[in-house]
Structures are given as structure tokens and as C-alpha cells.
Amino acid sequence: MTIAEDVALPPDILSAEYLSDPYPLQRVLRDHYPVLYHEPTQSYLLSRFEDVAGAFRSPQFSSRNYEWQLEPLHGRTILQMEGTEHSRHRALLNPFFRGKGLEKFMPVIRENAMGLIQGVVASAGAELMDPIARSGRADIVQDFSTWFPINVMVDMLGLPKSDHDRFHRWYESIMASLNNLAGDPDVTAAAEVTRHELREYMMPIIHERRSGDGEDLLSRLCRAEVDGHQMSDEEIKAFVSLLLVAGGETTDKAVTSMVRNLMDNPDQLEAVRRDRSLVDNAIAETLRHSGPVHMIMRQTEEDVTLHGVTIPAGSTCIMMLAAANRDERQFADPDRFDIFREDLDVAKAFSGAANHVQFILGRHFCVGSLLAQTEMRIALNLVLDQMENLRYPDGFVPHEEGLYSRGIPELLVEFDPVPPA
């Protein structure tokens, strides 16, 4: 049955068809059901760009849903906060993720990216000693992207490098829990163990650094103060837990999708390889075209009417970021990946004035947007510098997985390693 024949029935975001390829069904939602009550999740789906962007900027929608969605896993974080409490915590965090505060951590980001990429290239060089091997091989996900942002976070926090593996395990446990739509009790139990382990690990360190003078992110957060207020030990621990997801999973998936998008468009890959000023174009267009976060929840603070549908106060709304970022009303030929598109403002793509919604808009605009841009920029430049003639192995076709967040679980590549200078 074609989409045209099936248009009388709204798409189900939990169906196998949607999970396999959500983009055609997102178009059906935008065109015919821009506001739709979804019974299985007891939520209203918003899929058009104007509605999603407007909701993020409107006081009619809040992030109170995180109190039941995220707080049991992380604790209370800036995502749950509104009003003065949110403004104060944002003022505490902003100095470390923008301007000179972010520049301070550039060596840490470069060192981690270089170490991982050089490991991949060295392994490829060893493979080429085998007379049967014709090129280097790697899985961009397992060999690089899934480790890179987690390692950066651990080092920025000033925690031992020997704990990279431990934090990666905690990261995978938290992500499994957030995506546990089937309610697997083993996944839930593992996440509870992670919550306790992370707390037992972090609290003594936070207490110790309260009185220290270190320049790592954790020490500086412990000393940070705005209008006489500091973050509590619990709030700092919760922020570290949140960083595992917000600072890890999103960048992990975005880096992988960016490499895949460029490989699928060889002319654009070569354009970026020749002209590195286009790197930010590739990042911005990846965030629009195949951003890692597909859905984010909000809650209505009062009755809201959109497209003839009244959403009652207190309702959960699913903001469909991926659908909004491919809205034909906002972008021309939106399913096409195009680093040269004129309707995406690259100069503003990493700011609160962005004309895509991957980083959210309004008062909850992503604090770590510039960190994500920096990590993606360094990652792509190193891939281009160290790996020539990128291509897929024969028979390999990358595929996406996921609902609320979506990415490529495996990205196998072959390449010609660039010898060290």
C-alpha cells in the first residue's frame, strides 16, 4: 500500500515501518497531521518547523516532563529547571562552554581525537604489511566516534584516563535505559546499578575538589558562583551524568552521520577536503539533515490550540526535531544533503539564532552547542588529514537505528592511510 493510499490513517511512530525509515512518514505527519494525539505514548506529536520552533520559544510549553522522564536516572539537572533557577544554572555553566572557557579545553579535545585516529591509522598500516590487504579498514563507530566524546568529557572533568572504560560502560547503560521502550527489566536494573555506581564514584571527588584550586572542569564547577549561589554536590553529580548523554551520545552519532553523509556525496566530500572552510557547512547540514536527536518532549502549561487541535494543559508533547528539520515549508528539497544549500544559515547554526532545531531554541538552547561544533570540526579535519580515498567495503550499506535518538550503529570504511610527516 502506498503512502497516498494510506493517508487516511496516521503513521505510528512505534511501528516497524517508521523505525525502519521514518522520513517518508514524517512528511505524512507534516502534511496531514501536524498536531496528532498518539495513543500509545499518550502524547501529542508536533512535526512542522514553525510549530516546533514556536513551542521552544513559548512559555506555554515547559520542560517539566523531565521530572519524570530524566530525573529518576540523572537527578535534577538544568533540563528540568525553569525561571530563575534555570537562568542561574545556565549562568554558572555558560562560562565553561563558550569563548575562552571552551578554548581552555581545546588541547584536551585535539589530544583525544588525535590519539584515536592515529590508532586507527597505525592499525591500518599494520594491515597493509599483509600482502593480501589492499587498504586500511576501520569501523568509524567502534574505533572512534563512540569513544571520542566520552574520553573528552572524562579528561575535561580532570578524572583519571584509566577510567575511560568505566565511563564508557556507564554511558552505554544510560543510553540503553533511555531507549528501553520495551521496558526490559534487565536494562532498567543495569541503569539503576549505574546510577548508584556513578554517585558513589563522583561524590567523594566533588567533595574533595570543593576546596581545591584545580583548573579542570569539575574543580571549576565546584568553585563557580553566581549571585552568591553555587551548584550543590547533587547538582554537579547530576550534571556529570547528563554529560554522558548530552555530551556523549549526540556528538558520537553526529560525527558518524557527518562522515557517512559526505561519503554518500563524494563531490561534497572532496569539496570539503580541498576547502576546510566548508567543514562548518558539513556540520550544520548534518545537524539539519540527520541530527542525532529526533524527538524531545515538552509539557503544556496551559491549553494550546494548533491547526484546530486543542492540546490540554499538562499534556506531554513530542517535538519531532528530525521532522521539523526536513519541513518543505522551511527548507528546499529537505531530504537532500547539501552543504551548499542557501536556506541554512551556517553562521548562526551553533547559536540561539539558528534556523534549525537540533540544538533546541529559546531559553533551553543547548549549552554545549559550541563544544559539539568544536569536537565535530576537529574530528572531521583529522579524518580528512589521515584517511584518503574513503570508501565502503564491498557489500556494506550503512543503516540507521533508533527512535528518540537515531544514528548509525556501524560504519565500516576502507581508506588509504596517510603516512606520518
Protein backbone atom coordinates (compact mmCIF):
# COMPACT_ATOMS: atom_id res chain seq x y z
CA MET A 1 0.00 0.00 0.00
CA THR A 2 1.39 3.39 -0.91
CA ILE A 3 1.58 6.37 1.40
CA ALA A 4 -1.00 8.15 -0.77
CA GLU A 5 -3.48 5.26 -0.30
CA ASP A 6 -2.76 5.06 3.42
CA VAL A 7 -3.02 8.77 4.16
CA ALA A 8 -6.37 8.35 5.95
CA LEU A 9 -4.52 6.52 8.73
CA PRO A 10 -1.90 8.49 10.68
CA PRO A 11 1.56 6.92 10.86
CA ASP A 12 2.53 5.19 14.09
CA ILE A 13 5.96 6.30 15.33
CA LEU A 14 6.35 2.96 17.14
CA SER A 15 5.68 0.84 14.04
CA ALA A 16 8.34 -1.26 12.34
CA GLU A 17 7.83 0.78 9.17
CA TYR A 18 8.57 4.04 10.97
CA LEU A 19 11.59 2.63 12.80
CA SER A 20 12.97 1.35 9.51
CA ASP A 21 12.69 4.66 7.63
CA PRO A 22 10.93 7.50 9.46
CA TYR A 23 11.46 10.26 6.91
CA PRO A 24 8.64 9.49 4.41
CA LEU A 25 6.18 9.06 7.28
CA GLN A 26 7.33 12.30 8.85
CA ARG A 27 6.26 14.02 5.64
CA VAL A 28 2.81 12.45 6.02
CA LEU A 29 2.61 13.82 9.56
CA ARG A 30 3.68 17.31 8.48
CA ASP A 31 1.27 17.43 5.55
CA HIS A 32 -1.82 15.79 7.07
CA TYR A 33 -1.39 15.51 10.86
CA PRO A 34 0.77 18.45 12.03
CA VAL A 35 -0.67 18.01 15.54
CA LEU A 36 -1.59 14.41 16.33
CA TYR A 37 -2.55 12.67 19.55
CA HIS A 38 -0.56 9.42 19.74
CA GLU A 39 -2.42 6.99 21.98
CA PRO A 40 0.43 4.51 22.72
CA THR A 41 2.65 7.25 24.19
CA GLN A 42 -0.27 9.41 25.36
CA SER A 43 1.47 12.35 23.73
CA TYR A 44 0.77 14.97 21.09
CA LEU A 45 3.15 14.91 18.11
CA LEU A 46 4.25 18.26 16.62
CA SER A 47 6.09 17.86 13.31
CA ARG A 48 6.20 21.19 11.44
CA PHE A 49 9.17 23.52 11.83
CA GLU A 50 7.15 26.63 12.68
CA ASP A 51 5.21 24.82 15.41
CA VAL A 52 8.24 23.12 16.98
CA ALA A 53 10.39 26.27 16.90
CA GLY A 54 7.50 28.31 18.25
CA ALA A 55 6.90 25.88 21.11
CA PHE A 56 10.53 26.08 22.22
CA ARG A 57 10.26 29.87 22.44
CA SER A 58 6.82 29.95 24.09
CA PRO A 59 6.13 29.98 27.85
CA GLN A 60 3.07 27.85 27.02
CA PHE A 61 5.46 24.88 26.81
CA SER A 62 7.84 23.85 29.61
CA SER A 63 10.38 21.11 30.29
CA ARG A 64 8.57 19.84 33.39
CA ASN A 65 8.18 16.46 31.68
CA TYR A 66 11.85 15.81 32.51
CA GLU A 67 10.87 15.49 36.17
CA TRP A 68 9.52 12.01 35.41
CA GLN A 69 11.46 11.29 32.24
CA LEU A 70 15.06 12.03 33.29
CA GLU A 71 15.21 12.91 36.98
CA PRO A 72 14.99 9.29 38.23
CA LEU A 73 18.04 8.45 36.12
CA HIS A 74 20.25 11.56 36.39
CA GLY A 75 18.90 13.54 39.32
CA ARG A 76 17.82 17.16 38.96
CA THR A 77 19.59 18.88 36.06
CA ILE A 78 19.32 22.15 34.17
CA LEU A 79 16.96 20.45 31.71
CA GLN A 80 14.22 20.22 34.34
CA MET A 81 14.63 23.79 35.54
CA GLU A 82 12.61 26.85 34.61
CA GLY A 83 12.59 30.54 35.52
CA THR A 84 15.18 31.95 37.94
CA GLU A 85 16.55 28.52 38.83
CA HIS A 86 17.24 27.76 35.16
CA SER A 87 18.78 31.18 34.48
CA ARG A 88 21.10 30.88 37.46
CA HIS A 89 22.35 27.42 36.49
CA ARG A 90 22.80 28.47 32.88
CA ALA A 91 24.90 31.42 34.07
CA LEU A 92 27.01 29.00 36.12
CA LEU A 93 27.61 26.67 33.15
CA ASN A 94 27.95 29.06 30.20
CA PRO A 95 31.47 30.34 31.02
CA PHE A 96 32.90 26.83 30.64
CA PHE A 97 31.31 26.03 27.27
CA ARG A 98 31.76 29.26 25.34
CA GLY A 99 34.57 31.66 24.43
CA LYS A 100 37.79 31.43 26.43
CA GLY A 101 36.26 28.85 28.75
CA LEU A 102 35.92 26.42 25.86
CA GLU A 103 39.25 27.41 24.32
CA LYS A 104 40.94 26.24 27.52
CA PHE A 105 39.92 22.67 26.71
CA MET A 106 40.93 22.67 23.03
CA PRO A 107 44.19 20.74 23.70
CA VAL A 108 42.20 18.04 25.52
CA ILE A 109 39.80 17.68 22.58
CA ARG A 110 42.60 17.56 19.99
CA GLU A 111 44.66 15.09 22.02
CA ASN A 112 41.78 12.64 22.35
CA ALA A 113 40.79 12.86 18.70
CA MET A 114 44.37 12.53 17.50
CA GLY A 115 45.06 9.56 19.75
CA LEU A 116 42.05 7.62 18.48
CA ILE A 117 42.53 8.47 14.81
CA GLN A 118 46.25 7.71 14.90
CA GLY A 119 45.42 4.36 16.48
CA VAL A 120 43.10 3.58 13.56
CA VAL A 121 45.73 4.67 11.03
CA ALA A 122 48.50 2.71 12.77
CA SER A 123 46.32 -0.39 12.73
CA ALA A 124 45.66 0.17 9.04
CA GLY A 125 49.38 0.49 8.40
CA ALA A 126 49.97 -2.83 10.10
CA GLU A 127 47.26 -4.43 7.98
CA LEU A 128 48.96 -3.20 4.84
CA MET A 129 52.05 -5.22 5.74
CA ASP A 130 49.92 -8.23 4.86
CA PRO A 131 50.38 -8.78 1.11
CA ILE A 132 46.70 -9.75 0.82
CA ALA A 133 45.45 -6.49 2.30
CA ARG A 134 44.78 -3.71 -0.19
CA SER A 135 43.78 -0.91 2.17
CA GLY A 136 43.19 0.08 5.76
CA ARG A 137 39.86 -0.84 7.32
CA ALA A 138 38.01 0.62 10.29
CA ASP A 139 34.63 0.92 11.91
CA ILE A 140 34.27 4.66 12.48
CA VAL A 141 31.77 3.98 15.28
CA GLN A 142 33.60 1.36 17.34
CA ASP A 143 37.10 2.64 16.64
CA PHE A 144 36.47 6.35 17.00
CA SER A 145 33.14 8.13 17.44
CA THR A 146 31.71 6.13 20.34
CA TRP A 147 34.88 6.77 22.38
CA PHE A 148 35.85 10.29 21.37
CA PRO A 149 33.29 12.50 23.20
CA ILE A 150 33.28 10.31 26.33
CA ASN A 151 37.07 10.44 26.60
CA VAL A 152 36.99 14.21 26.08
CA MET A 153 34.42 14.61 28.85
CA VAL A 154 36.39 12.48 31.33
CA ASP A 155 39.56 14.46 30.61
CA MET A 156 37.80 17.83 30.77
CA LEU A 157 36.47 16.85 34.21
CA GLY A 158 40.02 16.03 35.28
CA LEU A 159 39.27 12.37 36.02
CA PRO A 160 41.83 9.58 35.55
CA LYS A 161 42.36 8.37 31.99
CA SER A 162 42.23 4.87 33.42
CA ASP A 163 38.51 5.47 33.98
CA HIS A 164 37.69 5.97 30.27
CA ASP A 165 36.41 2.39 30.02
CA ARG A 166 34.29 2.75 33.16
CA PHE A 167 32.60 5.92 31.90
CA HIS A 168 32.02 4.34 28.50
CA ARG A 169 30.25 1.42 30.22
CA TRP A 170 28.09 3.82 32.24
CA TYR A 171 27.32 5.78 29.07
CA GLU A 172 26.12 2.65 27.27
CA SER A 173 23.98 1.67 30.27
CA ILE A 174 22.27 5.08 30.48
CA MET A 175 21.62 5.16 26.74
CA ALA A 176 20.16 1.65 26.81
CA SER A 177 17.80 2.77 29.57
CA LEU A 178 16.65 5.91 27.74
CA ASN A 179 15.88 3.82 24.65
CA ASN A 180 14.25 0.98 26.60
CA LEU A 181 10.82 1.39 25.03
CA ALA A 182 10.04 -2.30 25.57
CA GLY A 183 10.59 -1.97 29.32
CA ASP A 184 13.20 -4.73 29.55
CA PRO A 185 13.69 -5.20 33.32
CA ASP A 186 17.36 -6.18 32.90
CA VAL A 187 18.09 -2.86 31.15
CA THR A 188 16.27 -0.95 33.88
CA ALA A 189 18.15 -2.82 36.59
CA ALA A 190 21.50 -2.15 34.89
CA ALA A 191 20.71 1.57 34.72
CA GLU A 192 19.89 1.60 38.44
CA VAL A 193 23.26 -0.01 39.16
CA THR A 194 24.93 2.65 37.00
CA ARG A 195 23.13 5.43 38.88
CA HIS A 196 24.44 4.13 42.22
CA GLU A 197 27.95 3.44 40.90
CA LEU A 198 28.26 6.89 39.34
CA ARG A 199 27.07 8.57 42.53
CA GLU A 200 29.47 6.58 44.73
CA TYR A 201 32.31 7.42 42.33
CA MET A 202 31.60 11.13 41.93
CA MET A 203 30.51 12.35 45.37
CA PRO A 204 33.87 11.92 47.17
CA ILE A 205 35.68 13.57 44.25
CA ILE A 206 33.26 16.51 44.23
CA HIS A 207 33.67 16.93 47.99
CA GLU A 208 37.47 16.90 47.64
CA ARG A 209 37.52 19.45 44.83
CA ARG A 210 35.33 21.92 46.67
CA SER A 211 38.44 23.12 48.50
CA GLY A 212 40.93 22.66 45.67
CA ASP A 213 42.32 25.10 43.11
CA GLY A 214 42.39 22.83 40.05
CA GLU A 215 41.62 24.15 36.57
CA ASP A 216 39.74 21.09 35.33
CA LEU A 217 36.03 21.50 34.59
CA LEU A 218 34.88 19.66 37.72
CA SER A 219 37.03 21.77 40.05
CA ARG A 220 35.89 24.98 38.40
CA LEU A 221 32.23 23.93 38.61
CA CYS A 222 32.72 23.23 42.32
CA ARG A 223 34.01 26.79 42.84
CA ALA A 224 31.68 28.58 40.41
CA GLU A 225 29.31 31.11 41.94
CA VAL A 226 26.61 33.43 40.57
CA ASP A 227 24.86 35.93 42.83
CA GLY A 228 26.05 34.05 45.88
CA HIS A 229 24.75 30.70 44.64
CA GLN A 230 26.79 27.57 43.90
CA MET A 231 25.76 24.22 42.46
CA SER A 232 25.17 21.61 45.15
CA ASP A 233 27.08 18.33 45.21
CA GLU A 234 23.98 16.53 43.94
CA GLU A 235 23.51 19.03 41.11
CA ILE A 236 27.11 18.64 39.99
CA LYS A 237 26.81 14.85 40.09
CA ALA A 238 23.59 15.08 38.06
CA PHE A 239 25.29 17.35 35.52
CA VAL A 240 28.11 14.82 35.08
CA SER A 241 25.52 12.09 34.50
CA LEU A 242 23.74 14.31 31.97
CA LEU A 243 27.04 14.97 30.17
CA LEU A 244 27.34 11.25 29.48
CA VAL A 245 24.24 11.57 27.30
CA ALA A 246 24.10 15.19 26.15
CA GLY A 247 27.86 15.44 25.63
CA GLY A 248 28.49 11.88 24.54
CA GLU A 249 25.72 10.24 22.60
CA THR A 250 24.76 13.23 20.48
CA THR A 251 28.30 14.00 19.31
CA ASP A 252 29.01 10.31 18.82
CA LYS A 253 26.08 9.90 16.44
CA ALA A 254 26.56 13.28 14.75
CA VAL A 255 30.22 12.60 13.87
CA THR A 256 29.30 9.23 12.36
CA SER A 257 26.41 10.67 10.34
CA MET A 258 28.61 13.51 9.08
CA VAL A 259 31.22 11.10 7.73
CA ARG A 260 28.50 8.91 6.21
CA ASN A 261 26.76 11.91 4.58
CA LEU A 262 29.98 13.07 2.95
CA MET A 263 30.89 9.56 1.78
CA ASP A 264 27.44 9.27 0.22
CA ASN A 265 28.13 12.55 -1.63
CA PRO A 266 31.70 12.18 -2.94
CA ASP A 267 31.69 15.55 -4.69
CA GLN A 268 30.89 17.28 -1.40
CA LEU A 269 33.48 15.16 0.42
CA GLU A 270 36.16 16.29 -2.00
CA ALA A 271 34.99 19.90 -1.79
CA VAL A 272 35.44 19.85 1.99
CA ARG A 273 38.78 18.04 1.67
CA ARG A 274 40.03 20.80 -0.62
CA ASP A 275 38.46 23.73 1.23
CA ARG A 276 38.34 23.29 5.00
CA SER A 277 36.29 26.46 5.42
CA LEU A 278 33.40 24.19 4.37
CA VAL A 279 33.77 21.99 7.46
CA ASP A 280 31.20 24.04 9.36
CA ASN A 281 28.82 23.71 6.41
CA ALA A 282 29.12 19.93 6.65
CA ILE A 283 28.49 20.04 10.39
CA ALA A 284 25.48 22.36 10.16
CA GLU A 285 23.88 20.44 7.30
CA THR A 286 24.39 17.15 9.17
CA LEU A 287 22.61 18.61 12.20
CA ARG A 288 19.71 19.63 9.97
CA HIS A 289 19.56 16.61 7.68
CA SER A 290 20.44 13.77 10.06
CA GLY A 291 20.79 15.17 13.55
CA PRO A 292 21.12 12.58 16.32
CA VAL A 293 18.16 13.76 18.42
CA HIS A 294 14.89 13.02 16.63
CA MET A 295 12.41 13.76 19.42
CA ILE A 296 12.30 15.81 22.61
CA MET A 297 9.38 16.10 24.99
CA ARG A 298 7.73 19.22 26.35
CA GLN A 299 4.67 19.80 28.55
CA THR A 300 1.90 22.34 28.02
CA GLU A 301 1.43 24.86 30.84
CA GLU A 302 -2.00 25.90 29.54
CA ASP A 303 -4.43 24.87 26.82
CA VAL A 304 -2.80 25.37 23.41
CA THR A 305 -4.65 25.26 20.07
CA LEU A 306 -2.68 24.49 16.88
CA HIS A 307 -4.16 23.61 13.48
CA GLY A 308 -7.59 23.22 15.01
CA VAL A 309 -6.42 20.79 17.70
CA THR A 310 -6.59 21.85 21.34
CA ILE A 311 -3.81 20.39 23.49
CA PRO A 312 -4.94 20.44 27.14
CA ALA A 313 -2.76 21.95 29.85
CA GLY A 314 -0.44 19.39 31.41
CA SER A 315 -0.17 17.30 28.22
CA THR A 316 3.06 15.72 27.07
CA CYS A 317 4.10 16.86 23.60
CA ILE A 318 6.73 15.17 21.45
CA MET A 319 8.64 17.76 19.45
CA MET A 320 9.73 15.93 16.30
CA LEU A 321 13.06 17.64 15.62
CA ALA A 322 14.01 15.50 12.63
CA ALA A 323 10.62 16.07 11.01
CA ALA A 324 10.83 19.82 11.62
CA ASN A 325 14.34 19.99 10.16
CA ARG A 326 13.07 18.37 6.94
CA ASP A 327 10.00 20.56 6.60
CA GLU A 328 9.47 21.67 3.00
CA ARG A 329 7.97 24.88 4.37
CA GLN A 330 11.39 25.76 5.81
CA PHE A 331 13.93 24.07 3.52
CA ALA A 332 14.01 23.39 -0.21
CA ASP A 333 14.37 19.72 -1.18
CA PRO A 334 14.88 18.91 2.52
CA ASP A 335 15.68 15.20 2.14
CA ARG A 336 18.77 16.09 0.10
CA PHE A 337 22.09 16.51 1.95
CA ASP A 338 23.66 19.67 0.56
CA ILE A 339 26.45 21.58 2.27
CA PHE A 340 25.91 24.42 -0.21
CA ARG A 341 22.21 24.98 0.49
CA GLU A 342 21.31 28.65 0.76
CA ASP A 343 18.40 28.25 3.19
CA LEU A 344 20.53 27.06 6.13
CA ASP A 345 22.32 29.85 7.99
CA VAL A 346 25.69 28.25 8.77
CA ALA A 347 26.99 31.39 10.52
CA LYS A 348 24.19 31.10 13.10
CA ALA A 349 23.82 27.31 13.13
CA PHE A 350 25.54 26.89 16.51
CA SER A 351 23.79 29.77 18.26
CA GLY A 352 20.37 30.54 19.67
CA ALA A 353 19.58 32.28 16.37
CA ALA A 354 19.88 29.02 14.38
CA ASN A 355 17.23 28.27 11.76
CA HIS A 356 17.29 24.53 12.53
CA VAL A 357 16.03 22.97 15.77
CA GLN A 358 18.59 20.25 16.54
CA PHE A 359 20.04 22.31 19.42
CA ILE A 360 16.56 23.44 20.56
CA LEU A 361 15.73 27.16 20.56
CA GLY A 362 14.78 29.69 23.17
CA ARG A 363 15.67 29.54 26.86
CA HIS A 364 16.73 25.88 26.72
CA PHE A 365 19.08 26.26 23.75
CA CYS A 366 21.87 23.68 24.12
CA VAL A 367 24.63 24.89 26.45
CA GLY A 368 27.12 22.56 24.74
CA SER A 369 26.45 23.56 21.13
CA LEU A 370 29.90 25.09 20.63
CA LEU A 371 31.59 22.11 22.29
CA ALA A 372 29.77 19.83 19.86
CA GLN A 373 30.80 22.03 16.92
CA THR A 374 34.42 22.01 18.10
CA GLU A 375 34.52 18.24 18.53
CA MET A 376 32.90 17.63 15.15
CA ARG A 377 35.24 20.12 13.47
CA ILE A 378 38.36 18.52 14.93
CA ALA A 379 37.10 15.02 14.15
CA LEU A 380 36.32 15.74 10.50
CA ASN A 381 39.60 17.54 9.86
CA LEU A 382 41.56 14.62 11.32
CA VAL A 383 39.63 12.07 9.28
CA LEU A 384 40.34 14.06 6.12
CA ASP A 385 44.00 14.54 7.05
CA GLN A 386 44.70 10.93 7.99
CA MET A 387 42.44 8.93 5.67
CA GLU A 388 42.49 9.28 1.90
CA ASN A 389 40.19 7.64 -0.62
CA LEU A 390 37.46 6.88 1.93
CA ARG A 391 35.03 4.23 0.67
CA TYR A 392 32.74 1.45 1.88
CA PRO A 393 33.87 -2.19 1.76
CA ASP A 394 32.15 -4.23 -0.95
CA GLY A 395 28.62 -5.09 0.06
CA PHE A 396 28.41 -2.78 3.07
CA VAL A 397 25.47 -0.39 3.26
CA PRO A 398 25.14 1.80 6.38
CA HIS A 399 21.76 1.93 8.08
CA GLU A 400 20.19 3.97 10.86
CA GLU A 401 18.59 2.77 14.07
CA GLY A 402 16.68 4.45 16.87
CA LEU A 403 13.54 6.43 17.66
CA TYR A 404 14.11 9.29 20.12
CA SER A 405 17.75 9.40 19.15
CA ARG A 406 18.88 7.89 15.87
CA GLY A 407 22.24 7.01 14.43
CA ILE A 408 24.38 4.54 12.55
CA PRO A 409 25.46 1.60 14.75
CA GLU A 410 28.24 0.53 12.37
CA LEU A 411 30.15 2.50 9.74
CA LEU A 412 32.70 0.27 8.02
CA VAL A 413 35.19 2.09 5.82
CA GLU A 414 38.24 1.37 3.76
CA PHE A 415 40.87 4.04 3.22
CA ASP A 416 44.44 4.73 2.26
CA PRO A 417 46.31 5.74 5.43
CA VAL A 418 48.34 8.93 5.16
CA PRO A 419 51.90 8.21 6.33
CA PRO A 420 53.22 10.41 9.17
CA ALA A 421 55.06 13.53 8.01
